[in-house]
Amino acid sequence: MNFHKKSLGQNFLFEKNIIKKISYLANIKGENVLEIGPGKGALTDEILNRKPKSLTLVEKDLELTKYLKKKYKLNKTIKIINKDILCIDLEKFFKKKLSIVGNLPFNISSQILIKILKSKKLDEKLNDLVLMFQKELGEKIIAKFPSKNYGRLSIITNFKLLIKQKFLVSSNCFFPKPKVESMVIHFKSYKNKNFYIKDLNNLEKVTNQLFSNKRKMINKNIKKLLKDDVLKKIPRLNLSLRAENLEPNIYYKITEIFEKNLNV
C-alpha cells in the first residue's frame, strides 16, 4: 500500500543503520518517549527494541494511524494519537520526564522545533530531543556566531537547547527519495542562567523585528521595540550594526529588557 502524501511532506526512512543510530542517541530504556511522525513505524520498531516505559506516537495521517494501530494492537506500551503535532498541548507530555524523537515533515519542521522550545518545563523535563531536518534548515539551527547561516533560528534554539551531536543522512535512505540531504540533531535541554526571559514569544518578536531588514542597520527597527533611554542601558549594543552582526547574548539582553518594559 502506498501511504505517501506529498502534501504532508512525507519521506519514509528505511535505512536500518541510520534508524538504529537515531534510536541510540536518545535516552529510551525505561523512559517515556514521544515520537513525532512515525510513518509506518520503522523507527518505532527500533525504539520498542530499546524497552521504553511508554511510547506515544503522534501521526497526522489518518491512513497511517489506522495502519499503526493495527500493527501495534497487541502492544500495551504504545499510545497512538491521530493529530497534527502543532495542534497538541505539549505541556501534558512534560508532566513527566520525556525523550522526543522524530523524522519531521520538512514543510513544518521549524514550526515543530519552535513549539517544543516554547514548552514551559523543557529544561526540567526533557531527557533528549533527537530530530531530523532538511540539511539546509539543520545548518541554520546549529549555526554559530558569526557565520553565514547564523540567524533567528540558531539564536532562539541556543537559548534553550545544547547541541550534542549531529550527522547527515543521504536522500538514498528514504522512500520516496527527497531532492535534498537530511540532518539528524541531538539536543539536550539547557537553562540559561545569565538571562531571564519569561516568554520565548518575546525573543521571537525581538529577532523577527531586527531580522526583518537583514541588510540594514538595526537602528530603526530596534526603536520600534525600545525607547532611546532604555537602549542606552544595554551594554555593547552598537546601533549601526546589522542584525547578523549581533551575538546571541545581545538578543537575550534586549529581550530581557523588552519584557521588563512591556508593562511600564
Protein backbone atom coordinates (compact mmCIF):
# COMPACT_ATOMS: atom_id res chain seq x y z
CA MET A 1 0.00 0.00 0.00
CA ASN A 2 1.33 3.46 -0.92
CA PHE A 3 0.91 5.80 2.06
CA HIS A 4 2.99 8.66 0.70
CA LYS A 5 1.29 12.06 0.67
CA LYS A 6 3.35 14.87 -0.82
CA SER A 7 1.15 17.49 0.86
CA LEU A 8 2.27 16.23 4.29
CA GLY A 9 5.96 16.34 3.40
CA GLN A 10 6.30 12.58 3.94
CA ASN A 11 9.51 10.74 3.17
CA PHE A 12 9.82 7.36 4.87
CA LEU A 13 13.20 6.43 6.32
CA PHE A 14 14.06 2.78 5.64
CA GLU A 15 17.85 2.51 6.08
CA LYS A 16 18.30 0.21 9.13
CA ASN A 17 21.73 1.50 10.21
CA ILE A 18 20.51 5.11 10.29
CA ILE A 19 17.36 4.11 12.17
CA LYS A 20 19.48 2.31 14.77
CA LYS A 21 21.88 5.25 15.03
CA ILE A 22 18.98 7.65 15.71
CA SER A 23 17.44 5.42 18.37
CA TYR A 24 20.76 5.10 20.21
CA LEU A 25 21.17 8.87 20.55
CA ALA A 26 18.13 9.16 22.82
CA ASN A 27 17.67 8.01 26.39
CA ILE A 28 14.97 5.37 25.85
CA LYS A 29 15.26 2.33 28.14
CA GLY A 30 12.74 2.67 30.96
CA GLU A 31 11.82 6.20 29.83
CA ASN A 32 8.73 7.92 28.46
CA VAL A 33 9.16 8.59 24.74
CA LEU A 34 7.23 10.74 22.27
CA GLU A 35 7.73 10.03 18.58
CA ILE A 36 6.59 12.67 16.11
CA GLY A 37 5.59 11.48 12.64
CA PRO A 38 6.21 7.72 12.99
CA GLY A 39 5.11 6.96 9.43
CA LYS A 40 4.97 3.18 9.02
CA GLY A 41 6.86 2.54 12.25
CA ALA A 42 10.44 1.89 11.10
CA LEU A 43 11.94 3.99 13.90
CA THR A 44 9.12 2.94 16.25
CA ASP A 45 10.22 -0.71 15.98
CA GLU A 46 13.77 0.23 16.98
CA ILE A 47 12.53 2.36 19.90
CA LEU A 48 10.47 -0.59 21.14
CA ASN A 49 13.58 -2.81 20.99
CA ARG A 50 15.16 -0.40 23.48
CA LYS A 51 12.34 -1.08 26.01
CA PRO A 52 10.79 2.33 26.80
CA LYS A 53 8.46 2.72 29.78
CA SER A 54 5.86 4.26 27.47
CA LEU A 55 5.79 5.32 23.82
CA THR A 56 3.35 7.87 22.39
CA LEU A 57 3.10 8.20 18.62
CA VAL A 58 1.69 11.39 17.11
CA GLU A 59 0.67 10.85 13.49
CA LYS A 60 -1.39 13.36 11.47
CA ASP A 61 -2.21 10.99 8.59
CA LEU A 62 -5.40 9.01 9.29
CA GLU A 63 -4.48 6.10 6.98
CA LEU A 64 -1.10 5.73 8.65
CA THR A 65 -2.73 5.95 12.09
CA LYS A 66 -5.03 3.05 11.20
CA TYR A 67 -2.05 1.09 9.91
CA LEU A 68 -0.07 1.74 13.11
CA LYS A 69 -3.00 0.83 15.37
CA LYS A 70 -3.33 -2.48 13.55
CA LYS A 71 0.44 -3.11 13.58
CA TYR A 72 0.79 -2.46 17.32
CA LYS A 73 -2.65 -3.55 18.58
CA LEU A 74 -1.13 -6.10 20.99
CA ASN A 75 1.49 -3.73 22.38
CA LYS A 76 0.45 -2.17 25.70
CA THR A 77 3.43 0.23 25.75
CA ILE A 78 2.14 2.29 22.80
CA LYS A 79 -0.44 5.06 22.66
CA ILE A 80 -1.27 6.41 19.18
CA ILE A 81 -2.68 9.90 18.65
CA ASN A 82 -4.10 10.89 15.26
CA LYS A 83 -3.47 14.63 15.36
CA ASP A 84 -1.27 17.38 13.98
CA ILE A 85 1.62 17.84 16.44
CA LEU A 86 1.23 21.62 16.01
CA CYS A 87 -2.29 21.37 17.48
CA ILE A 88 -1.30 19.31 20.53
CA ASP A 89 -0.73 20.71 24.02
CA LEU A 90 2.81 19.51 24.73
CA GLU A 91 2.58 20.58 28.39
CA LYS A 92 0.57 17.39 29.06
CA PHE A 93 3.56 15.31 27.98
CA PHE A 94 6.01 17.33 30.07
CA LYS A 95 4.30 16.36 33.33
CA LYS A 96 6.94 13.62 33.44
CA LYS A 97 10.49 13.19 32.12
CA LEU A 98 10.41 12.72 28.38
CA SER A 99 12.58 11.92 25.37
CA ILE A 100 11.32 13.16 21.98
CA VAL A 101 12.37 11.70 18.64
CA GLY A 102 11.11 12.34 15.13
CA ASN A 103 11.77 12.24 11.42
CA LEU A 104 9.94 15.51 10.87
CA PRO A 105 7.94 16.52 7.79
CA PHE A 106 10.19 19.06 6.06
CA ASN A 107 7.39 21.57 5.48
CA ILE A 108 6.67 22.17 9.20
CA SER A 109 9.90 21.08 10.92
CA SER A 110 10.95 24.58 12.07
CA GLN A 111 7.45 25.18 13.48
CA ILE A 112 7.64 21.90 15.41
CA LEU A 113 11.03 22.83 16.86
CA ILE A 114 9.77 26.27 17.98
CA LYS A 115 6.68 24.66 19.55
CA ILE A 116 8.91 22.30 21.58
CA LEU A 117 11.17 25.22 22.59
CA LYS A 118 8.16 27.10 23.97
CA SER A 119 7.30 24.27 26.39
CA LYS A 120 7.43 25.75 29.89
CA LYS A 121 9.01 22.72 31.57
CA LEU A 122 11.52 21.92 28.85
CA ASP A 123 14.62 22.49 30.99
CA GLU A 124 13.49 20.22 33.82
CA LYS A 125 11.52 17.52 31.99
CA LEU A 126 13.33 16.91 28.68
CA ASN A 127 15.75 13.96 28.61
CA ASP A 128 16.74 14.03 24.94
CA LEU A 129 15.48 15.62 21.76
CA VAL A 130 16.52 13.86 18.55
CA LEU A 131 15.04 15.33 15.37
CA MET A 132 15.67 15.05 11.65
CA PHE A 133 15.57 18.17 9.48
CA GLN A 134 16.31 19.10 5.90
CA LYS A 135 20.08 19.72 5.82
CA GLU A 136 19.72 23.39 4.87
CA LEU A 137 17.47 24.05 7.88
CA GLY A 138 19.70 21.96 10.15
CA GLU A 139 22.65 24.19 9.25
CA LYS A 140 20.65 27.26 10.31
CA ILE A 141 19.75 25.63 13.64
CA ILE A 142 23.33 24.67 14.57
CA ALA A 143 24.94 27.85 13.18
CA LYS A 144 27.43 29.62 15.44
CA PHE A 145 28.04 33.35 15.59
CA PRO A 146 29.41 34.72 13.30
CA SER A 147 28.63 32.61 10.22
CA LYS A 148 26.54 32.82 7.06
CA ASN A 149 23.79 30.57 8.49
CA TYR A 150 23.57 32.41 11.81
CA GLY A 151 20.15 33.95 12.38
CA ARG A 152 16.84 33.82 14.20
CA LEU A 153 16.59 30.04 14.42
CA SER A 154 20.03 29.50 15.95
CA ILE A 155 19.52 32.40 18.40
CA ILE A 156 16.19 31.02 19.66
CA THR A 157 17.30 27.37 19.72
CA ASN A 158 20.53 28.05 21.57
CA PHE A 159 18.74 29.86 24.36
CA LYS A 160 17.11 26.62 25.49
CA LEU A 161 18.99 23.72 23.92
CA LEU A 162 22.55 22.41 23.71
CA ILE A 163 23.55 20.64 20.50
CA LYS A 164 25.28 17.39 21.48
CA GLN A 165 25.69 15.55 18.18
CA LYS A 166 24.69 15.77 14.54
CA PHE A 167 25.08 13.68 11.39
CA LEU A 168 23.95 13.83 7.76
CA VAL A 169 21.59 11.35 6.13
CA SER A 170 21.68 10.68 2.39
CA SER A 171 18.49 11.08 0.36
CA ASN A 172 19.01 7.43 -0.72
CA CYS A 173 17.87 6.35 2.76
CA PHE A 174 14.26 7.43 2.11
CA PHE A 175 11.29 6.44 0.04
CA PRO A 176 10.25 8.35 -1.92
CA LYS A 177 13.71 9.83 -2.37
CA PRO A 178 13.79 13.55 -1.48
CA LYS A 179 15.82 16.03 -3.52
CA VAL A 180 17.92 17.06 -0.52
CA GLU A 181 20.05 15.54 2.22
CA SER A 182 18.84 15.47 5.81
CA MET A 183 20.48 16.21 9.14
CA VAL A 184 19.81 14.48 12.47
CA ILE A 185 20.47 16.68 15.50
CA HIS A 186 20.66 15.51 19.11
CA PHE A 187 19.74 18.21 21.64
CA LYS A 188 19.84 18.37 25.43
CA SER A 189 17.87 20.91 27.43
CA TYR A 190 19.77 23.85 28.87
CA LYS A 191 18.83 26.50 31.41
CA ASN A 192 20.48 29.81 30.57
CA LYS A 193 21.28 31.30 33.98
CA ASN A 194 22.74 34.53 32.59
CA PHE A 195 19.43 35.84 31.25
CA TYR A 196 15.83 35.58 32.36
CA ILE A 197 13.32 35.51 29.53
CA LYS A 198 9.84 34.81 30.80
CA ASP A 199 8.17 34.14 27.44
CA LEU A 200 10.01 32.81 24.37
CA ASN A 201 7.42 34.57 22.20
CA ASN A 202 9.21 37.80 23.12
CA LEU A 203 12.57 36.50 21.91
CA GLU A 204 10.76 35.52 18.71
CA LYS A 205 9.31 39.04 18.44
CA VAL A 206 12.69 40.72 19.00
CA THR A 207 14.53 38.53 16.46
CA ASN A 208 11.67 38.91 13.96
CA GLN A 209 11.81 42.68 14.25
CA LEU A 210 15.58 43.01 13.97
CA PHE A 211 15.98 40.49 11.14
CA SER A 212 13.06 41.96 9.15
CA ASN A 213 15.53 44.18 7.26
CA LYS A 214 18.55 41.92 7.48
CA ARG A 215 20.81 44.06 5.30
CA LYS A 216 20.09 47.32 7.12
CA MET A 217 21.37 48.69 10.41
CA ILE A 218 19.27 47.74 13.45
CA ASN A 219 18.91 51.42 14.43
CA LYS A 220 15.32 51.96 13.15
CA ASN A 221 13.91 48.51 13.91
CA ILE A 222 15.12 48.32 17.49
CA LYS A 223 13.46 51.68 18.24
CA LYS A 224 10.13 50.06 17.42
CA LEU A 225 10.77 47.84 20.46
CA LEU A 226 12.57 50.08 22.96
CA LYS A 227 12.94 53.78 23.67
CA ASP A 228 16.28 55.61 23.41
CA ASP A 229 16.76 55.96 27.17
CA VAL A 230 16.29 52.21 27.63
CA LEU A 231 18.63 51.33 24.74
CA LYS A 232 21.47 53.16 26.45
CA LYS A 233 21.34 50.64 29.30
CA ILE A 234 22.21 47.71 27.01
CA PRO A 235 25.97 47.04 27.18
CA ARG A 236 27.93 46.52 23.92
CA LEU A 237 24.94 47.48 21.78
CA ASN A 238 26.01 49.16 18.56
CA LEU A 239 23.00 50.53 16.65
CA SER A 240 24.97 50.85 13.42
CA LEU A 241 25.38 47.06 13.15
CA ARG A 242 23.20 44.71 11.10
CA ALA A 243 21.11 42.01 12.81
CA GLU A 244 23.52 39.28 11.72
CA ASN A 245 26.41 41.11 13.45
CA LEU A 246 24.86 40.96 16.94
CA GLU A 247 25.91 37.99 19.08
CA PRO A 248 23.17 35.85 20.74
CA ASN A 249 23.72 37.31 24.21
CA ILE A 250 22.81 40.77 22.91
CA TYR A 251 19.47 39.40 21.68
CA TYR A 252 18.83 37.76 25.05
CA LYS A 253 19.61 41.02 26.86
CA ILE A 254 17.39 43.06 24.51
CA THR A 255 14.53 40.59 25.12
CA GLU A 256 15.06 40.66 28.88
CA ILE A 257 14.82 44.47 28.89
CA PHE A 258 11.92 44.42 26.39
CA GLU A 259 9.94 42.19 28.79
CA LYS A 260 10.69 44.46 31.76
CA ASN A 261 9.41 47.45 29.82
CA LEU A 262 6.23 45.83 28.49
CA ASN A 263 4.18 46.91 31.49
CA VAL A 264 5.94 50.19 32.20
